[in-house]
C-alpha atoms as a PDB file:
ATOM      1  CA  MET A   1       5.011  41.526  20.064  1.00  0.00           C
ATOM      2  CA  GLY A   2       9.254  41.290  19.898  1.00  0.00           C
ATOM      3  CA  ASN A   3       9.393  37.691  19.434  1.00  0.00           C
ATOM      4  CA  ASP A   4       6.911  38.119  16.200  1.00  0.00           C
ATOM      5  CA  TYR A   5       9.257  40.266  15.190  1.00  0.00           C
ATOM      6  CA  ARG A   6      12.097  38.855  15.177  1.00  0.00           C
ATOM      7  CA  ARG A   7      10.263  35.292  14.110  1.00  0.00           C
ATOM      8  CA  GLY A   8       8.788  37.593  10.936  1.00  0.00           C
ATOM      9  CA  ILE A   9      12.860  38.098  10.690  1.00  0.00           C
ATOM     10  CA  VAL A  10      14.024  34.562  10.905  1.00  0.00           C
ATOM     11  CA  LEU A  11      11.110  33.404   8.651  1.00  0.00           C
ATOM     12  CA  SER A  12      11.200  35.945   5.656  1.00  0.00           C
ATOM     13  CA  ALA A  13      15.390  35.594   5.303  1.00  0.00           C
ATOM     14  CA  LEU A  14      15.062  31.752   5.792  1.00  0.00           C
ATOM     15  CA  GLY A  15      12.033  31.941   2.682  1.00  0.00           C
ATOM     16  CA  ILE A  16      14.402  34.031   0.395  1.00  0.00           C
ATOM     17  CA  LEU A  17      17.375  32.080   0.972  1.00  0.00           C
ATOM     18  CA  ILE A  18      16.012  29.298  -0.012  1.00  0.00           C
ATOM     19  CA  ILE A  19      14.769  30.636  -3.197  1.00  0.00           C
ATOM     20  CA  SER A  20      18.108  32.383  -4.036  1.00  0.00           C
ATOM     21  CA  PRO A  21      19.515  29.518  -6.530  1.00  0.00           C
ATOM     22  CA  ASP A  22      15.768  29.830  -8.491  1.00  0.00           C
ATOM     23  CA  ALA A  23      17.801  31.450 -10.874  1.00  0.00           C
ATOM     24  CA  MET A  24      20.623  29.249 -11.125  1.00  0.00           C
ATOM     25  CA  LEU A  25      18.099  26.398 -11.071  1.00  0.00           C
ATOM     26  CA  VAL A  26      16.579  27.987 -14.356  1.00  0.00           C
ATOM     27  CA  ARG A  27      19.766  28.243 -16.279  1.00  0.00           C
ATOM     28  CA  LEU A  28      20.131  24.802 -16.038  1.00  0.00           C
ATOM     29  CA  ILE A  29      16.894  24.639 -18.364  1.00  0.00           C
ATOM     30  CA  ALA A  30      18.366  23.036 -21.256  1.00  0.00           C
ATOM     31  CA  SER A  31      15.235  23.650 -23.929  1.00  0.00           C
ATOM     32  CA  ALA A  32      11.824  24.809 -21.928  1.00  0.00           C
ATOM     33  CA  ASP A  33      10.805  28.224 -22.930  1.00  0.00           C
ATOM     34  CA  PRO A  34       9.785  30.954 -20.135  1.00  0.00           C
ATOM     35  CA  TRP A  35       5.735  30.011 -20.254  1.00  0.00           C
ATOM     36  CA  GLN A  36       6.577  26.472 -19.971  1.00  0.00           C
ATOM     37  CA  ILE A  37       9.055  27.178 -17.388  1.00  0.00           C
ATOM     38  CA  ALA A  38       5.977  29.298 -15.762  1.00  0.00           C
ATOM     39  CA  PHE A  39       3.683  26.588 -15.744  1.00  0.00           C
ATOM     40  CA  TRP A  40       4.976  23.840 -14.406  1.00  0.00           C
ATOM     41  CA  ARG A  41       6.412  26.562 -12.180  1.00  0.00           C
ATOM     42  CA  THR A  42       3.588  27.153 -10.896  1.00  0.00           C
ATOM     43  CA  GLY A  43       1.813  24.232 -11.283  1.00  0.00           C
ATOM     44  CA  LEU A  44       3.674  21.818  -9.196  1.00  0.00           C
ATOM     45  CA  MET A  45       3.400  24.039  -6.266  1.00  0.00           C
ATOM     46  CA  GLY A  46       0.343  24.129  -6.555  1.00  0.00           C
ATOM     47  CA  CYS A  47       0.438  20.752  -6.289  1.00  0.00           C
ATOM     48  CA  SER A  48       3.232  20.116  -3.741  1.00  0.00           C
ATOM     49  CA  LEU A  49       1.273  22.752  -1.550  1.00  0.00           C
ATOM     50  CA  LEU A  50      -2.373  20.750  -2.050  1.00  0.00           C
ATOM     51  CA  ALA A  51      -0.403  17.676  -1.112  1.00  0.00           C
ATOM     52  CA  TYR A  52       0.317  19.052   2.451  1.00  0.00           C
ATOM     53  CA  LEU A  53      -3.148  20.619   2.620  1.00  0.00           C
ATOM     54  CA  LEU A  54      -4.779  17.338   2.231  1.00  0.00           C
ATOM     55  CA  VAL A  55      -2.417  15.401   4.748  1.00  0.00           C
ATOM     56  CA  ARG A  56      -2.696  18.572   7.614  1.00  0.00           C
ATOM     57  CA  ALA A  57      -6.508  18.625   7.029  1.00  0.00           C
ATOM     58  CA  ARG A  58      -6.670  15.023   7.826  1.00  0.00           C
ATOM     59  CA  VAL A  59      -4.519  14.953  10.968  1.00  0.00           C
ATOM     60  CA  ARG A  60      -6.667  18.439  12.010  1.00  0.00           C
ATOM     61  CA  ARG A  61     -10.308  16.647  10.678  1.00  0.00           C
ATOM     62  CA  ARG A  62     -10.318  20.188   8.848  1.00  0.00           C
ATOM     63  CA  PRO A  63     -11.334  21.161   5.164  1.00  0.00           C
ATOM     64  CA  ALA A  64      -8.177  21.804   3.774  1.00  0.00           C
ATOM     65  CA  PHE A  65      -9.271  25.331   2.311  1.00  0.00           C
ATOM     66  CA  ALA A  66     -11.533  26.649   5.320  1.00  0.00           C
ATOM     67  CA  SER A  67      -9.406  29.627   5.530  1.00  0.00           C
ATOM     68  CA  ILE A  68     -10.124  30.868   2.063  1.00  0.00           C
ATOM     69  CA  ARG A  69     -12.787  33.389   2.470  1.00  0.00           C
ATOM     70  CA  GLY A  70     -13.614  37.167   2.126  1.00  0.00           C
ATOM     71  CA  LYS A  71     -10.896  39.247   1.625  1.00  0.00           C
ATOM     72  CA  THR A  72      -8.383  36.526   1.413  1.00  0.00           C
ATOM     73  CA  TRP A  73      -9.506  35.857  -1.994  1.00  0.00           C
ATOM     74  CA  ILE A  74      -7.673  39.627  -2.739  1.00  0.00           C
ATOM     75  CA  VAL A  75      -4.418  37.802  -1.494  1.00  0.00           C
ATOM     76  CA  VAL A  76      -4.963  34.753  -4.023  1.00  0.00           C
ATOM     77  CA  GLY A  77      -5.560  36.987  -6.762  1.00  0.00           C
ATOM     78  CA  LEU A  78      -2.272  39.682  -5.956  1.00  0.00           C
ATOM     79  CA  PHE A  79      -0.713  36.323  -6.072  1.00  0.00           C
ATOM     80  CA  SER A  80      -1.578  35.161  -9.154  1.00  0.00           C
ATOM     81  CA  PHE A  81      -1.526  38.411 -10.670  1.00  0.00           C
ATOM     82  CA  SER A  82       2.415  38.765  -9.655  1.00  0.00           C
ATOM     83  CA  ASN A  83       3.192  35.176 -11.034  1.00  0.00           C
ATOM     84  CA  ILE A  84       1.838  36.269 -14.469  1.00  0.00           C
ATOM     85  CA  SER A  85       3.133  39.512 -14.655  1.00  0.00           C
ATOM     86  CA  PHE A  86       6.557  38.629 -13.636  1.00  0.00           C
ATOM     87  CA  ILE A  87       6.806  36.151 -16.411  1.00  0.00           C
ATOM     88  CA  GLY A  88       5.349  38.384 -19.176  1.00  0.00           C
ATOM     89  CA  ALA A  89       8.125  40.696 -17.958  1.00  0.00           C
ATOM     90  CA  LEU A  90      11.045  38.332 -18.174  1.00  0.00           C
ATOM     91  CA  THR A  91       9.551  37.577 -21.817  1.00  0.00           C
ATOM     92  CA  HIS A  92       9.400  40.984 -23.122  1.00  0.00           C
ATOM     93  CA  THR A  93      12.359  42.961 -21.411  1.00  0.00           C
ATOM     94  CA  SER A  94      16.008  41.744 -19.976  1.00  0.00           C
ATOM     95  CA  VAL A  95      16.622  39.741 -17.042  1.00  0.00           C
ATOM     96  CA  ALA A  96      18.610  42.900 -16.151  1.00  0.00           C
ATOM     97  CA  ASN A  97      15.773  45.287 -16.376  1.00  0.00           C
ATOM     98  CA  THR A  98      13.249  42.707 -14.815  1.00  0.00           C
ATOM     99  CA  LEU A  99      15.490  43.077 -11.596  1.00  0.00           C
ATOM    100  CA  VAL A 100      16.559  46.701 -11.254  1.00  0.00           C
ATOM    101  CA  ILE A 101      12.784  47.187 -11.755  1.00  0.00           C
ATOM    102  CA  LEU A 102      11.452  44.535  -9.079  1.00  0.00           C
ATOM    103  CA  ALA A 103      13.734  46.761  -6.621  1.00  0.00           C
ATOM    104  CA  THR A 104      11.595  49.433  -6.189  1.00  0.00           C
ATOM    105  CA  MET A 105       9.366  46.653  -4.220  1.00  0.00           C
ATOM    106  CA  PRO A 106      10.386  47.611  -1.314  1.00  0.00           C
ATOM    107  CA  PHE A 107       9.645  51.265  -2.061  1.00  0.00           C
ATOM    108  CA  PHE A 108       6.220  50.529  -3.111  1.00  0.00           C
ATOM    109  CA  ALA A 109       5.760  48.347   0.106  1.00  0.00           C
ATOM    110  CA  ALA A 110       6.810  51.322   1.983  1.00  0.00           C
ATOM    111  CA  ILE A 111       4.445  54.164   0.145  1.00  0.00           C
ATOM    112  CA  LEU A 112       0.942  51.580   0.278  1.00  0.00           C
ATOM    113  CA  GLY A 113       1.741  50.770   3.801  1.00  0.00           C
ATOM    114  CA  TRP A 114       1.820  54.557   5.048  1.00  0.00           C
ATOM    115  CA  SER A 115      -1.074  55.304   2.654  1.00  0.00           C
ATOM    116  CA  LEU A 116      -3.143  52.548   3.270  1.00  0.00           C
ATOM    117  CA  ILE A 117      -2.991  50.745   6.722  1.00  0.00           C
ATOM    118  CA  GLY A 118      -1.296  53.441   8.264  1.00  0.00           C
ATOM    119  CA  GLU A 119       2.147  51.891   8.920  1.00  0.00           C
ATOM    120  CA  LYS A 120       5.065  53.762   9.188  1.00  0.00           C
ATOM    121  CA  VAL A 121       8.053  53.573   7.735  1.00  0.00           C
ATOM    122  CA  ALA A 122      11.237  54.415   9.594  1.00  0.00           C
ATOM    123  CA  SER A 123      14.203  56.675   8.880  1.00  0.00           C
ATOM    124  CA  ARG A 124      16.427  54.171   9.015  1.00  0.00           C
ATOM    125  CA  THR A 125      14.412  51.378   6.603  1.00  0.00           C
ATOM    126  CA  TRP A 126      13.676  54.952   3.931  1.00  0.00           C
ATOM    127  CA  VAL A 127      17.996  54.982   3.546  1.00  0.00           C
ATOM    128  CA  SER A 128      17.916  51.262   3.557  1.00  0.00           C
ATOM    129  CA  ILE A 129      15.775  51.732   0.409  1.00  0.00           C
ATOM    130  CA  GLY A 130      17.570  53.904  -1.014  1.00  0.00           C
ATOM    131  CA  LEU A 131      20.791  52.218  -0.444  1.00  0.00           C
ATOM    132  CA  ALA A 132      19.668  48.901  -2.315  1.00  0.00           C
ATOM    133  CA  LEU A 133      17.999  50.981  -5.098  1.00  0.00           C
ATOM    134  CA  THR A 134      21.442  51.807  -5.931  1.00  0.00           C
ATOM    135  CA  GLY A 135      22.989  49.030  -5.341  1.00  0.00           C
ATOM    136  CA  THR A 136      20.514  46.813  -7.603  1.00  0.00           C
ATOM    137  CA  GLY A 137      21.452  49.802 -10.012  1.00  0.00           C
ATOM    138  CA  VAL A 138      25.061  49.242 -10.142  1.00  0.00           C
ATOM    139  CA  LEU A 139      24.570  45.201 -10.140  1.00  0.00           C
ATOM    140  CA  VAL A 140      23.080  45.282 -13.693  1.00  0.00           C
ATOM    141  CA  SER A 141      24.287  48.641 -14.842  1.00  0.00           C
ATOM    142  CA  GLY A 142      26.145  46.567 -17.798  1.00  0.00           C
ATOM    143  CA  SER A 143      23.171  44.566 -18.720  1.00  0.00           C
ATOM    144  CA  LEU A 144      20.311  47.394 -19.086  1.00  0.00           C
ATOM    145  CA  GLY A 145      19.095  48.591 -22.506  1.00  0.00           C
ATOM    146  CA  GLY A 146      16.201  50.596 -23.696  1.00  0.00           C
ATOM    147  CA  GLY A 147      13.145  49.295 -26.138  1.00  0.00           C
ATOM    148  CA  HIS A 148      11.441  47.032 -23.988  1.00  0.00           C
ATOM    149  CA  ARG A 149       8.714  49.509 -22.422  1.00  0.00           C
ATOM    150  CA  MET A 150       5.681  46.416 -22.464  1.00  0.00           C
ATOM    151  CA  GLY A 151       8.153  44.260 -20.505  1.00  0.00           C
ATOM    152  CA  ASP A 152       9.093  47.185 -17.862  1.00  0.00           C
ATOM    153  CA  ALA A 153       5.770  48.098 -17.393  1.00  0.00           C
ATOM    154  CA  LEU A 154       5.148  44.330 -16.379  1.00  0.00           C
ATOM    155  CA  ALA A 155       7.952  44.264 -14.287  1.00  0.00           C
ATOM    156  CA  LEU A 156       6.609  47.509 -12.430  1.00  0.00           C
ATOM    157  CA  LEU A 157       3.314  46.160 -12.022  1.00  0.00           C
ATOM    158  CA  THR A 158       4.858  43.018 -10.383  1.00  0.00           C
ATOM    159  CA  ALA A 159       6.656  44.734  -7.705  1.00  0.00           C
ATOM    160  CA  LEU A 160       2.988  46.854  -7.014  1.00  0.00           C
ATOM    161  CA  MET A 161       1.710  43.708  -7.149  1.00  0.00           C
ATOM    162  CA  GLN A 162       3.959  42.132  -4.691  1.00  0.00           C
ATOM    163  CA  GLY A 163       4.188  45.369  -2.619  1.00  0.00           C
ATOM    164  CA  LEU A 164      -0.103  45.529  -1.882  1.00  0.00           C
ATOM    165  CA  ASN A 165       0.170  41.601  -0.868  1.00  0.00           C
ATOM    166  CA  LEU A 166       2.333  42.632   1.885  1.00  0.00           C
ATOM    167  CA  ILE A 167       0.278  45.279   2.859  1.00  0.00           C
ATOM    168  CA  ALA A 168      -2.497  42.746   2.174  1.00  0.00           C
ATOM    169  CA  LEU A 169      -1.481  39.880   4.249  1.00  0.00           C
ATOM    170  CA  ARG A 170      -1.187  42.388   7.541  1.00  0.00           C
ATOM    171  CA  ARG A 171      -4.139  44.493   6.871  1.00  0.00           C
ATOM    172  CA  PHE A 172      -6.561  41.179   6.336  1.00  0.00           C
ATOM    173  CA  SER A 173      -4.267  39.384   8.748  1.00  0.00           C
ATOM    174  CA  VAL A 174      -3.979  36.406   7.121  1.00  0.00           C
ATOM    175  CA  ASN A 175      -2.945  33.685   9.099  1.00  0.00           C
ATOM    176  CA  ASP A 176      -2.709  30.748   7.066  1.00  0.00           C
ATOM    177  CA  LEU A 177      -0.663  31.208   4.041  1.00  0.00           C
ATOM    178  CA  VAL A 178      -0.386  27.596   2.373  1.00  0.00           C
ATOM    179  CA  PRO A 179      -3.982  27.592   0.808  1.00  0.00           C
ATOM    180  CA  PRO A 180      -3.185  31.073  -0.808  1.00  0.00           C
ATOM    181  CA  LEU A 181      -0.392  30.406  -2.421  1.00  0.00           C
ATOM    182  CA  CYS A 182      -2.086  26.885  -3.559  1.00  0.00           C
ATOM    183  CA  LEU A 183      -4.696  28.049  -5.416  1.00  0.00           C
ATOM    184  CA  SER A 184      -2.397  31.057  -6.801  1.00  0.00           C
ATOM    185  CA  GLY A 185      -0.700  28.028  -8.309  1.00  0.00           C
ATOM    186  CA  PHE A 186      -2.973  26.629 -10.211  1.00  0.00           C
ATOM    187  CA  ILE A 187      -4.680  29.348 -11.216  1.00  0.00           C
ATOM    188  CA  SER A 188      -1.578  31.116 -12.785  1.00  0.00           C
ATOM    189  CA  ALA A 189      -0.695  27.777 -14.357  1.00  0.00           C
ATOM    190  CA  LEU A 190      -4.537  27.618 -15.620  1.00  0.00           C
ATOM    191  CA  VAL A 191      -3.964  31.022 -17.177  1.00  0.00           C
ATOM    192  CA  LEU A 192      -0.590  30.450 -18.919  1.00  0.00           C
ATOM    193  CA  ALA A 193      -1.501  26.921 -19.657  1.00  0.00           C
ATOM    194  CA  PRO A 194      -2.770  27.677 -23.627  1.00  0.00           C
ATOM    195  CA  ALA A 195       0.714  29.414 -24.353  1.00  0.00           C
ATOM    196  CA  ALA A 196       2.532  26.778 -22.713  1.00  0.00           C
ATOM    197  CA  HIS A 197       2.570  23.916 -24.525  1.00  0.00           C
ATOM    198  CA  PRO A 198       3.789  22.083 -21.418  1.00  0.00           C
ATOM    199  CA  LEU A 199       4.080  18.516 -22.715  1.00  0.00           C
ATOM    200  CA  GLY A 200       6.638  19.553 -24.957  1.00  0.00           C
ATOM    201  CA  VAL A 201       9.156  19.451 -22.061  1.00  0.00           C
ATOM    202  CA  SER A 202      12.080  17.163 -21.839  1.00  0.00           C
ATOM    203  CA  GLY A 203      12.772  14.720 -18.885  1.00  0.00           C
ATOM    204  CA  HIS A 204      16.314  16.433 -17.666  1.00  0.00           C
ATOM    205  CA  ASP A 205      13.783  20.094 -17.772  1.00  0.00           C
ATOM    206  CA  PHE A 206      11.342  18.191 -16.056  1.00  0.00           C
ATOM    207  CA  ALA A 207      13.404  16.898 -13.578  1.00  0.00           C
ATOM    208  CA  LEU A 208      14.507  20.792 -12.398  1.00  0.00           C
ATOM    209  CA  LEU A 209      11.049  22.192 -13.020  1.00  0.00           C
ATOM    210  CA  GLY A 210      10.337  19.406 -10.425  1.00  0.00           C
ATOM    211  CA  LEU A 211      13.010  20.579  -8.173  1.00  0.00           C
ATOM    212  CA  ILE A 212      12.063  24.440  -8.195  1.00  0.00           C
ATOM    213  CA  GLY A 213       8.268  23.337  -8.087  1.00  0.00           C
ATOM    214  CA  LEU A 214       7.632  20.724  -5.905  1.00  0.00           C
ATOM    215  CA  VAL A 215      10.219  22.070  -3.582  1.00  0.00           C
ATOM    216  CA  VAL A 216      12.228  25.456  -3.605  1.00  0.00           C
ATOM    217  CA  LEU A 217       8.774  27.655  -4.065  1.00  0.00           C
ATOM    218  CA  PRO A 218       6.307  26.328  -1.956  1.00  0.00           C
ATOM    219  CA  LEU A 219       8.841  26.242   0.967  1.00  0.00           C
ATOM    220  CA  ALA A 220      10.692  29.383   0.402  1.00  0.00           C
ATOM    221  CA  LEU A 221       7.265  31.497  -0.562  1.00  0.00           C
ATOM    222  CA  SER A 222       5.260  29.698   3.080  1.00  0.00           C
ATOM    223  CA  LEU A 223       8.262  30.792   5.512  1.00  0.00           C
ATOM    224  CA  PHE A 224       9.020  34.271   3.499  1.00  0.00           C
ATOM    225  CA  PHE A 225       5.082  35.122   3.748  1.00  0.00           C
ATOM    226  CA  SER A 226       4.607  33.864   7.144  1.00  0.00           C
ATOM    227  CA  GLY A 227       6.945  35.881   8.694  1.00  0.00           C
ATOM    228  CA  ALA A 228       6.156  38.823   6.762  1.00  0.00           C
ATOM    229  CA  ARG A 229       2.803  38.752   8.552  1.00  0.00           C
ATOM    230  CA  PHE A 230       5.409  40.011  11.716  1.00  0.00           C
ATOM    231  CA  VAL A 231       7.510  42.492   9.704  1.00  0.00           C
ATOM    232  CA  PRO A 232       6.305  45.782   8.660  1.00  0.00           C
ATOM    233  CA  ALA A 233       6.309  45.722   4.690  1.00  0.00           C
ATOM    234  CA  ALA A 234       8.665  47.479   3.762  1.00  0.00           C
ATOM    235  CA  GLU A 235      11.037  45.807   6.181  1.00  0.00           C
ATOM    236  CA  ALA A 236       9.881  42.261   4.758  1.00  0.00           C
ATOM    237  CA  ALA A 237      10.473  43.769   0.817  1.00  0.00           C
ATOM    238  CA  LEU A 238      13.865  44.605   1.834  1.00  0.00           C
ATOM    239  CA  PHE A 239      14.821  40.862   2.286  1.00  0.00           C
ATOM    240  CA  THR A 240      13.631  39.635  -1.307  1.00  0.00           C
ATOM    241  CA  LEU A 241      16.805  41.582  -2.280  1.00  0.00           C
ATOM    242  CA  ILE A 242      18.415  38.533  -1.007  1.00  0.00           C
ATOM    243  CA  GLU A 243      17.987  37.131  -4.047  1.00  0.00           C
ATOM    244  CA  THR A 244      19.076  39.688  -6.435  1.00  0.00           C
ATOM    245  CA  VAL A 245      22.361  39.850  -4.472  1.00  0.00           C
ATOM    246  CA  LEU A 246      22.958  35.746  -4.211  1.00  0.00           C
ATOM    247  CA  GLY A 247      21.587  34.718  -7.371  1.00  0.00           C
ATOM    248  CA  PRO A 248      24.863  35.457  -8.912  1.00  0.00           C
ATOM    249  CA  PHE A 249      26.802  33.492  -6.765  1.00  0.00           C
ATOM    250  CA  TRP A 250      24.826  30.485  -7.158  1.00  0.00           C
ATOM    251  CA  ALA A 251      25.150  30.885 -11.057  1.00  0.00           C
ATOM    252  CA  TRP A 252      29.016  31.277 -10.792  1.00  0.00           C
ATOM    253  CA  LEU A 253      28.447  28.121  -8.853  1.00  0.00           C
ATOM    254  CA  GLY A 254      26.533  26.244 -10.500  1.00  0.00           C
ATOM    255  CA  ALA A 255      26.303  27.392 -13.817  1.00  0.00           C
ATOM    256  CA  GLY A 256      29.885  28.629 -14.236  1.00  0.00           C
ATOM    257  CA  GLU A 257      28.853  32.505 -15.325  1.00  0.00           C
ATOM    258  CA  ILE A 258      31.589  34.592 -13.831  1.00  0.00           C
ATOM    259  CA  PRO A 259      30.154  37.724 -12.105  1.00  0.00           C
ATOM    260  CA  GLU A 260      31.718  41.118 -13.394  1.00  0.00           C
ATOM    261  CA  SER A 261      32.834  43.627 -11.078  1.00  0.00           C
ATOM    262  CA  THR A 262      29.688  45.862 -11.012  1.00  0.00           C
ATOM    263  CA  THR A 263      28.081  42.754  -9.953  1.00  0.00           C
ATOM    264  CA  LEU A 264      29.880  42.435  -7.302  1.00  0.00           C
ATOM    265  CA  ILE A 265      30.280  45.682  -5.769  1.00  0.00           C
ATOM    266  CA  GLY A 266      26.456  46.410  -6.476  1.00  0.00           C
ATOM    267  CA  GLY A 267      25.563  43.221  -4.423  1.00  0.00           C
ATOM    268  CA  ALA A 268      27.626  44.459  -1.742  1.00  0.00           C
ATOM    269  CA  ILE A 269      25.877  47.540  -1.548  1.00  0.00           C
ATOM    270  CA  VAL A 270      22.558  45.926  -1.122  1.00  0.00           C
ATOM    271  CA  PHE A 271      23.640  43.118   1.098  1.00  0.00           C
ATOM    272  CA  ALA A 272      24.608  46.384   3.340  1.00  0.00           C
ATOM    273  CA  ALA A 273      21.458  48.041   3.314  1.00  0.00           C
ATOM    274  CA  ILE A 274      19.623  45.097   4.366  1.00  0.00           C
ATOM    275  CA  VAL A 275      21.893  44.363   7.149  1.00  0.00           C
ATOM    276  CA  LEU A 276      21.860  47.871   8.351  1.00  0.00           C
ATOM    277  CA  ASN A 277      18.300  48.332   8.556  1.00  0.00           C
ATOM    278  CA  THR A 278      18.285  44.826  10.382  1.00  0.00           C
ATOM    279  CA  PHE A 279      20.952  45.432  13.060  1.00  0.00           C
ATOM    280  CA  ARG A 280      19.578  48.675  13.558  1.00  0.00           C
ATOM    281  CA  ALA A 281      15.985  47.028  14.088  1.00  0.00           C
ATOM    282  CA  SER A 282      17.831  44.930  16.440  1.00  0.00           C
ATOM    283  CA  LEU A 283      19.174  48.148  18.288  1.00  0.00           C
ATOM    284  CA  GLU A 284      15.990  49.558  18.782  1.00  0.00           C
ATOM    285  CA  TYR A 285      13.743  46.380  19.987  1.00  0.00           C
ATOM    286  CA  ARG A 286      16.349  45.968  22.596  1.00  0.00           C
ATOM    287  CA  ARG A 287      16.079  49.559  23.808  1.00  0.00           C
ATOM    288  CA  ARG A 288      12.557  48.917  24.171  1.00  0.00           C
ATOM    289  CA  MET A 289      12.642  45.927  25.945  1.00  0.00           C
ATOM    290  CA  ARG A 290      15.652  47.970  28.045  1.00  0.00           C
ATOM    291  CA  ARG A 291      12.795  50.399  28.710  1.00  0.00           C
ATOM    292  CA  ILE A 292       9.702  48.024  29.455  1.00  0.00           C
ATOM    293  CA  VAL A 293      12.166  46.261  31.613  1.00  0.00           C
ATOM    294  CA  LEU A 294      13.162  49.468  33.937  1.00  0.00           C
ATOM    295  CA  GLU A 295       9.823  51.395  33.964  1.00  0.00           C
ATOM    296  CA  LYS A 296       8.434  47.637  35.571  1.00  0.00           C
ATOM    297  CA  SER A 297      10.961  47.221  37.988  1.00  0.00           C
ATOM    298  CA  GLY A 298      10.771  51.124  38.989  1.00  0.00           C
ATOM    299  CA  GLY A 299       6.629  50.969  39.326  1.00  0.00           C
END
């Protein structure tokens, strides 16, 4: 149990670290519109994961999608729905609004985990969620705007779907995340295709989209969701905010965007919330292991 928890923390954090330059790479795209970006991101992710699955199936001599059955389709649907609603949010509201609303995902994961699968949420996690929400609000305070109800609603729906997905992974004991991610990429691309005009993308933009869709997304999401199976949903959701913190850093490094003071302050608060929760969880784990050792030696 303890080793699984630590492995989950490492995998989840590593996955989010890999995906953190995603926004910067998108900013470097010159002319592709949001629908074209979304189509190629999800479609290429599906292609990359399909190639991996076919090679793995040949080595293991087992069908590539053997694990897709029954309730696993719920996970596929949630992945697909959140992909599409996220792009809809970015199209109908500001990036700042989207970020601050998506920061509610740990809250949704905590509430849903408790109500649907009886997963208790530690008090330290509630404190960290509150700090993270505050920090995200400070981080984007200079860019928030009103009058975007449709986009804000889609961002809220995305946060809800992502929270539900973390619960579904634990509830249905989905051990192989690659097939659901692969199918969700193709389904999302299929839905987005009519609005995307995918062949109108320049070579420069397609190279960046290839890096995102073929490498960054499949690797990052596979790692994150594989780790999320071993960590309480609310704690796994907190790690997604690492991208919110590191996004401005990558934008400065790769696109020359100098972060505002509120961005730095808010990012520091969010980072402190994640570190606080992880540190306290580590202390609790060590105490629990120490008690177990003492009980065994006393027995």
